[in-house]
Amino acid sequence: MMEVTSRGDDVHEVLAMSLRAHEPLPVRDLTAQVARAAFPDGCLGMRLRDALGPVFRDDDFADLFP
């Protein structure tokens, strides 16, 4: 959504963004299979996700995007 407001000779744009919260998507089986083939010992990103799960959730940022 874009709203254009005018104050005298100045024109200001107010931009709004809409985000929909959702749960993290699971890793697809084929994606996991390819990742394991490419990185048999895993890589840092894979090990972190396996150990911690999702690090950031949408709710963590809700206050920043009213």
PDB file of N, CA and C in Angstrom:
ATOM      1  N   MET A   1       0.853  -1.164   0.000  1.00  0.00           N
ATOM      2  CA  MET A   1       0.000   0.000   0.000  1.00  0.00           C
ATOM      3  C   MET A   1       0.898   1.224   0.000  1.00  0.00           C
ATOM      4  N   MET A   2       0.609   2.192  -0.832  1.00  0.00           N
ATOM      5  CA  MET A   2       1.364   3.431  -0.857  1.00  0.00           C
ATOM      6  C   MET A   2       0.374   4.580  -0.760  1.00  0.00           C
ATOM      7  N   GLU A   3       0.656   5.461   0.169  1.00  0.00           N
ATOM      8  CA  GLU A   3      -0.197   6.633   0.358  1.00  0.00           C
ATOM      9  C   GLU A   3       0.662   7.861   0.094  1.00  0.00           C
ATOM     10  N   VAL A   4       0.180   8.754  -0.721  1.00  0.00           N
ATOM     11  CA  VAL A   4       0.918   9.972  -1.035  1.00  0.00           C
ATOM     12  C   VAL A   4       0.218  11.126  -0.339  1.00  0.00           C
ATOM     13  N   THR A   5       0.981  11.848   0.456  1.00  0.00           N
ATOM     14  CA  THR A   5       0.419  13.004   1.152  1.00  0.00           C
ATOM     15  C   THR A   5       1.133  14.249   0.682  1.00  0.00           C
ATOM     16  N   SER A   6       0.458  15.356   0.701  1.00  0.00           N
ATOM     17  CA  SER A   6       1.042  16.612   0.234  1.00  0.00           C
ATOM     18  C   SER A   6       0.942  17.660   1.326  1.00  0.00           C
ATOM     19  N   ARG A   7       2.048  18.348   1.551  1.00  0.00           N
ATOM     20  CA  ARG A   7       2.077  19.475   2.490  1.00  0.00           C
ATOM     21  C   ARG A   7       2.663  20.657   1.731  1.00  0.00           C
ATOM     22  N   GLY A   8       1.815  21.508   1.266  1.00  0.00           N
ATOM     23  CA  GLY A   8       2.293  22.645   0.488  1.00  0.00           C
ATOM     24  C   GLY A   8       2.921  22.152  -0.799  1.00  0.00           C
ATOM     25  N   ASP A   9       4.176  22.517  -1.027  1.00  0.00           N
ATOM     26  CA  ASP A   9       4.871  22.114  -2.244  1.00  0.00           C
ATOM     27  C   ASP A   9       5.558  20.752  -2.097  1.00  0.00           C
ATOM     28  N   ASP A  10       5.672  20.245  -0.866  1.00  0.00           N
ATOM     29  CA  ASP A  10       6.350  18.970  -0.632  1.00  0.00           C
ATOM     30  C   ASP A  10       5.384  17.805  -0.819  1.00  0.00           C
ATOM     31  N   VAL A  11       5.857  16.746  -1.409  1.00  0.00           N
ATOM     32  CA  VAL A  11       5.076  15.520  -1.546  1.00  0.00           C
ATOM     33  C   VAL A  11       5.807  14.441  -0.771  1.00  0.00           C
ATOM     34  N   HIS A  12       5.090  13.761   0.115  1.00  0.00           N
ATOM     35  CA  HIS A  12       5.681  12.717   0.951  1.00  0.00           C
ATOM     36  C   HIS A  12       4.997  11.397   0.642  1.00  0.00           C
ATOM     37  N   GLU A  13       5.763  10.354   0.546  1.00  0.00           N
ATOM     38  CA  GLU A  13       5.208   9.019   0.352  1.00  0.00           C
ATOM     39  C   GLU A  13       5.297   8.270   1.669  1.00  0.00           C
ATOM     40  N   VAL A  14       4.221   7.643   2.048  1.00  0.00           N
ATOM     41  CA  VAL A  14       4.196   6.800   3.231  1.00  0.00           C
ATOM     42  C   VAL A  14       4.013   5.376   2.733  1.00  0.00           C
ATOM     43  N   LEU A  15       5.021   4.560   2.940  1.00  0.00           N
ATOM     44  CA  LEU A  15       4.975   3.186   2.451  1.00  0.00           C
ATOM     45  C   LEU A  15       4.621   2.264   3.612  1.00  0.00           C
ATOM     46  N   ALA A  16       3.745   1.337   3.373  1.00  0.00           N
ATOM     47  CA  ALA A  16       3.363   0.356   4.376  1.00  0.00           C
ATOM     48  C   ALA A  16       3.643  -1.036   3.822  1.00  0.00           C
ATOM     49  N   MET A  17       4.046  -1.923   4.700  1.00  0.00           N
ATOM     50  CA  MET A  17       4.349  -3.275   4.298  1.00  0.00           C
ATOM     51  C   MET A  17       3.521  -4.222   5.159  1.00  0.00           C
ATOM     52  N   SER A  18       2.974  -5.230   4.559  1.00  0.00           N
ATOM     53  CA  SER A  18       2.180  -6.216   5.273  1.00  0.00           C
ATOM     54  C   SER A  18       2.924  -7.544   5.271  1.00  0.00           C
ATOM     55  N   LEU A  19       3.176  -8.062   6.467  1.00  0.00           N
ATOM     56  CA  LEU A  19       3.844  -9.350   6.605  1.00  0.00           C
ATOM     57  C   LEU A  19       2.890 -10.318   7.287  1.00  0.00           C
ATOM     58  N   ARG A  20       2.846 -11.510   6.805  1.00  0.00           N
ATOM     59  CA  ARG A  20       2.020 -12.533   7.423  1.00  0.00           C
ATOM     60  C   ARG A  20       2.928 -13.496   8.180  1.00  0.00           C
ATOM     61  N   ALA A  21       2.649 -13.668   9.454  1.00  0.00           N
ATOM     62  CA  ALA A  21       3.443 -14.590  10.272  1.00  0.00           C
ATOM     63  C   ALA A  21       3.137 -16.022   9.857  1.00  0.00           C
ATOM     64  N   HIS A  22       4.143 -16.847   9.855  1.00  0.00           N
ATOM     65  CA  HIS A  22       3.947 -18.260   9.548  1.00  0.00           C
ATOM     66  C   HIS A  22       5.020 -19.075  10.243  1.00  0.00           C
ATOM     67  N   GLU A  23       4.735 -20.322  10.425  1.00  0.00           N
ATOM     68  CA  GLU A  23       5.697 -21.239  11.020  1.00  0.00           C
ATOM     69  C   GLU A  23       6.779 -21.566   9.989  1.00  0.00           C
ATOM     70  N   PRO A  24       7.990 -21.851  10.452  1.00  0.00           N
ATOM     71  CA  PRO A  24       9.047 -22.234   9.499  1.00  0.00           C
ATOM     72  C   PRO A  24       8.641 -23.485   8.719  1.00  0.00           C
ATOM     73  N   LEU A  25       8.977 -23.484   7.464  1.00  0.00           N
ATOM     74  CA  LEU A  25       8.650 -24.630   6.615  1.00  0.00           C
ATOM     75  C   LEU A  25       9.622 -25.773   6.889  1.00  0.00           C
ATOM     76  N   PRO A  26       9.143 -27.004   6.851  1.00  0.00           N
ATOM     77  CA  PRO A  26      10.069 -28.126   7.022  1.00  0.00           C
ATOM     78  C   PRO A  26      10.964 -28.263   5.790  1.00  0.00           C
ATOM     79  N   VAL A  27      12.116 -28.854   5.984  1.00  0.00           N
ATOM     80  CA  VAL A  27      13.022 -29.104   4.866  1.00  0.00           C
ATOM     81  C   VAL A  27      12.462 -30.279   4.078  1.00  0.00           C
ATOM     82  N   ARG A  28      12.317 -30.100   2.791  1.00  0.00           N
ATOM     83  CA  ARG A  28      11.778 -31.172   1.939  1.00  0.00           C
ATOM     84  C   ARG A  28      12.749 -32.337   1.887  1.00  0.00           C
ATOM     85  N   ASP A  29      12.195 -33.527   1.715  1.00  0.00           N
ATOM     86  CA  ASP A  29      13.020 -34.743   1.707  1.00  0.00           C
ATOM     87  C   ASP A  29      14.098 -34.696   0.633  1.00  0.00           C
ATOM     88  N   LEU A  30      13.750 -34.275  -0.574  1.00  0.00           N
ATOM     89  CA  LEU A  30      14.729 -34.232  -1.655  1.00  0.00           C
ATOM     90  C   LEU A  30      15.818 -33.197  -1.353  1.00  0.00           C
ATOM     91  N   THR A  31      15.430 -32.068  -0.771  1.00  0.00           N
ATOM     92  CA  THR A  31      16.408 -31.045  -0.403  1.00  0.00           C
ATOM     93  C   THR A  31      17.377 -31.585   0.637  1.00  0.00           C
ATOM     94  N   ALA A  32      16.861 -32.273   1.641  1.00  0.00           N
ATOM     95  CA  ALA A  32      17.720 -32.862   2.670  1.00  0.00           C
ATOM     96  C   ALA A  32      18.649 -33.916   2.071  1.00  0.00           C
ATOM     97  N   GLN A  33      18.129 -34.718   1.147  1.00  0.00           N
ATOM     98  CA  GLN A  33      18.937 -35.754   0.495  1.00  0.00           C
ATOM     99  C   GLN A  33      20.084 -35.129  -0.303  1.00  0.00           C
ATOM    100  N   VAL A  34      19.789 -34.072  -1.046  1.00  0.00           N
ATOM    101  CA  VAL A  34      20.829 -33.396  -1.836  1.00  0.00           C
ATOM    102  C   VAL A  34      21.857 -32.747  -0.912  1.00  0.00           C
ATOM    103  N   ALA A  35      21.378 -32.128   0.158  1.00  0.00           N
ATOM    104  CA  ALA A  35      22.306 -31.478   1.099  1.00  0.00           C
ATOM    105  C   ALA A  35      23.231 -32.500   1.746  1.00  0.00           C
ATOM    106  N   ARG A  36      22.691 -33.659   2.122  1.00  0.00           N
ATOM    107  CA  ARG A  36      23.543 -34.700   2.717  1.00  0.00           C
ATOM    108  C   ARG A  36      24.531 -35.257   1.704  1.00  0.00           C
ATOM    109  N   ALA A  37      24.133 -35.331   0.425  1.00  0.00           N
ATOM    110  CA  ALA A  37      25.054 -35.803  -0.613  1.00  0.00           C
ATOM    111  C   ALA A  37      26.169 -34.785  -0.845  1.00  0.00           C
ATOM    112  N   ALA A  38      25.825 -33.502  -0.806  1.00  0.00           N
ATOM    113  CA  ALA A  38      26.823 -32.457  -1.040  1.00  0.00           C
ATOM    114  C   ALA A  38      27.731 -32.258   0.172  1.00  0.00           C
ATOM    115  N   PHE A  39      27.182 -32.446   1.365  1.00  0.00           N
ATOM    116  CA  PHE A  39      27.933 -32.236   2.606  1.00  0.00           C
ATOM    117  C   PHE A  39      27.743 -33.459   3.510  1.00  0.00           C
ATOM    118  N   PRO A  40      28.457 -34.552   3.249  1.00  0.00           N
ATOM    119  CA  PRO A  40      28.262 -35.778   4.036  1.00  0.00           C
ATOM    120  C   PRO A  40      28.484 -35.576   5.537  1.00  0.00           C
ATOM    121  N   ASP A  41      29.397 -34.681   5.880  1.00  0.00           N
ATOM    122  CA  ASP A  41      29.648 -34.403   7.297  1.00  0.00           C
ATOM    123  C   ASP A  41      28.829 -33.218   7.791  1.00  0.00           C
ATOM    124  N   GLY A  42      27.957 -32.706   6.946  1.00  0.00           N
ATOM    125  CA  GLY A  42      27.173 -31.531   7.299  1.00  0.00           C
ATOM    126  C   GLY A  42      27.998 -30.273   7.108  1.00  0.00           C
ATOM    127  N   CYS A  43      27.367 -29.160   7.284  1.00  0.00           N
ATOM    128  CA  CYS A  43      28.060 -27.883   7.253  1.00  0.00           C
ATOM    129  C   CYS A  43      27.527 -27.079   8.444  1.00  0.00           C
ATOM    130  N   LEU A  44      28.093 -25.935   8.689  1.00  0.00           N
ATOM    131  CA  LEU A  44      27.720 -25.164   9.864  1.00  0.00           C
ATOM    132  C   LEU A  44      26.216 -24.860   9.887  1.00  0.00           C
ATOM    133  N   GLY A  45      25.681 -24.415   8.766  1.00  0.00           N
ATOM    134  CA  GLY A  45      24.253 -24.096   8.721  1.00  0.00           C
ATOM    135  C   GLY A  45      23.371 -25.298   8.999  1.00  0.00           C
ATOM    136  N   MET A  46      23.736 -26.435   8.442  1.00  0.00           N
ATOM    137  CA  MET A  46      22.952 -27.658   8.663  1.00  0.00           C
ATOM    138  C   MET A  46      23.041 -28.100  10.118  1.00  0.00           C
ATOM    139  N   ARG A  47      24.250 -28.045  10.681  1.00  0.00           N
ATOM    140  CA  ARG A  47      24.417 -28.468  12.076  1.00  0.00           C
ATOM    141  C   ARG A  47      23.679 -27.537  13.028  1.00  0.00           C
ATOM    142  N   LEU A  48      23.707 -26.239  12.736  1.00  0.00           N
ATOM    143  CA  LEU A  48      22.975 -25.293  13.589  1.00  0.00           C
ATOM    144  C   LEU A  48      21.478 -25.547  13.547  1.00  0.00           C
ATOM    145  N   ARG A  49      20.931 -25.741  12.359  1.00  0.00           N
ATOM    146  CA  ARG A  49      19.490 -26.004  12.264  1.00  0.00           C
ATOM    147  C   ARG A  49      19.128 -27.315  12.953  1.00  0.00           C
ATOM    148  N   ASP A  50      19.964 -28.332  12.780  1.00  0.00           N
ATOM    149  CA  ASP A  50      19.692 -29.609  13.434  1.00  0.00           C
ATOM    150  C   ASP A  50      19.726 -29.472  14.955  1.00  0.00           C
ATOM    151  N   ALA A  51      20.672 -28.691  15.462  1.00  0.00           N
ATOM    152  CA  ALA A  51      20.823 -28.554  16.912  1.00  0.00           C
ATOM    153  C   ALA A  51      19.829 -27.569  17.527  1.00  0.00           C
ATOM    154  N   LEU A  52      19.579 -26.461  16.843  1.00  0.00           N
ATOM    155  CA  LEU A  52      18.779 -25.387  17.437  1.00  0.00           C
ATOM    156  C   LEU A  52      17.380 -25.267  16.871  1.00  0.00           C
ATOM    157  N   GLY A  53      17.162 -25.798  15.692  1.00  0.00           N
ATOM    158  CA  GLY A  53      15.896 -25.540  15.025  1.00  0.00           C
ATOM    159  C   GLY A  53      15.916 -24.104  14.514  1.00  0.00           C
ATOM    160  N   PRO A  54      14.768 -23.539  14.243  1.00  0.00           N
ATOM    161  CA  PRO A  54      14.748 -22.145  13.769  1.00  0.00           C
ATOM    162  C   PRO A  54      15.293 -21.212  14.852  1.00  0.00           C
ATOM    163  N   VAL A  55      16.179 -20.334  14.473  1.00  0.00           N
ATOM    164  CA  VAL A  55      16.777 -19.408  15.438  1.00  0.00           C
ATOM    165  C   VAL A  55      15.871 -18.200  15.645  1.00  0.00           C
ATOM    166  N   PHE A  56      15.296 -17.684  14.587  1.00  0.00           N
ATOM    167  CA  PHE A  56      14.424 -16.519  14.671  1.00  0.00           C
ATOM    168  C   PHE A  56      13.009 -16.903  14.277  1.00  0.00           C
ATOM    169  N   ARG A  57      12.053 -16.338  14.973  1.00  0.00           N
ATOM    170  CA  ARG A  57      10.645 -16.569  14.669  1.00  0.00           C
ATOM    171  C   ARG A  57      10.012 -15.229  14.314  1.00  0.00           C
ATOM    172  N   ASP A  58       8.950 -15.268  13.537  1.00  0.00           N
ATOM    173  CA  ASP A  58       8.265 -14.033  13.140  1.00  0.00           C
ATOM    174  C   ASP A  58       7.844 -13.206  14.345  1.00  0.00           C
ATOM    175  N   ASP A  59       7.393 -13.876  15.404  1.00  0.00           N
ATOM    176  CA  ASP A  59       6.933 -13.164  16.598  1.00  0.00           C
ATOM    177  C   ASP A  59       8.031 -12.311  17.232  1.00  0.00           C
ATOM    178  N   ASP A  60       9.294 -12.699  17.044  1.00  0.00           N
ATOM    179  CA  ASP A  60      10.408 -11.933  17.608  1.00  0.00           C
ATOM    180  C   ASP A  60      10.479 -10.532  17.029  1.00  0.00           C
ATOM    181  N   PHE A  61       9.912 -10.326  15.852  1.00  0.00           N
ATOM    182  CA  PHE A  61      10.016  -9.052  15.166  1.00  0.00           C
ATOM    183  C   PHE A  61       8.688  -8.307  15.072  1.00  0.00           C
ATOM    184  N   ALA A  62       7.666  -8.813  15.717  1.00  0.00           N
ATOM    185  CA  ALA A  62       6.326  -8.219  15.611  1.00  0.00           C
ATOM    186  C   ALA A  62       6.302  -6.757  16.049  1.00  0.00           C
ATOM    187  N   ASP A  63       7.044  -6.413  17.092  1.00  0.00           N
ATOM    188  CA  ASP A  63       7.059  -5.029  17.582  1.00  0.00           C
ATOM    189  C   ASP A  63       7.709  -4.068  16.594  1.00  0.00           C
ATOM    190  N   LEU A  64       8.570  -4.584  15.733  1.00  0.00           N
ATOM    191  CA  LEU A  64       9.254  -3.724  14.781  1.00  0.00           C
ATOM    192  C   LEU A  64       8.388  -3.380  13.564  1.00  0.00           C
ATOM    193  N   PHE A  65       7.355  -4.186  13.334  1.00  0.00           N
ATOM    194  CA  PHE A  65       6.495  -3.999  12.174  1.00  0.00           C
ATOM    195  C   PHE A  65       5.026  -3.927  12.595  1.00  0.00           C
ATOM    196  N   PRO A  66       4.629  -2.818  13.244  1.00  0.00           N
ATOM    197  CA  PRO A  66       3.247  -2.734  13.729  1.00  0.00           C
ATOM    198  C   PRO A  66       2.252  -2.652  12.570  1.00  0.00           C
TER     199      PRO A  66
END
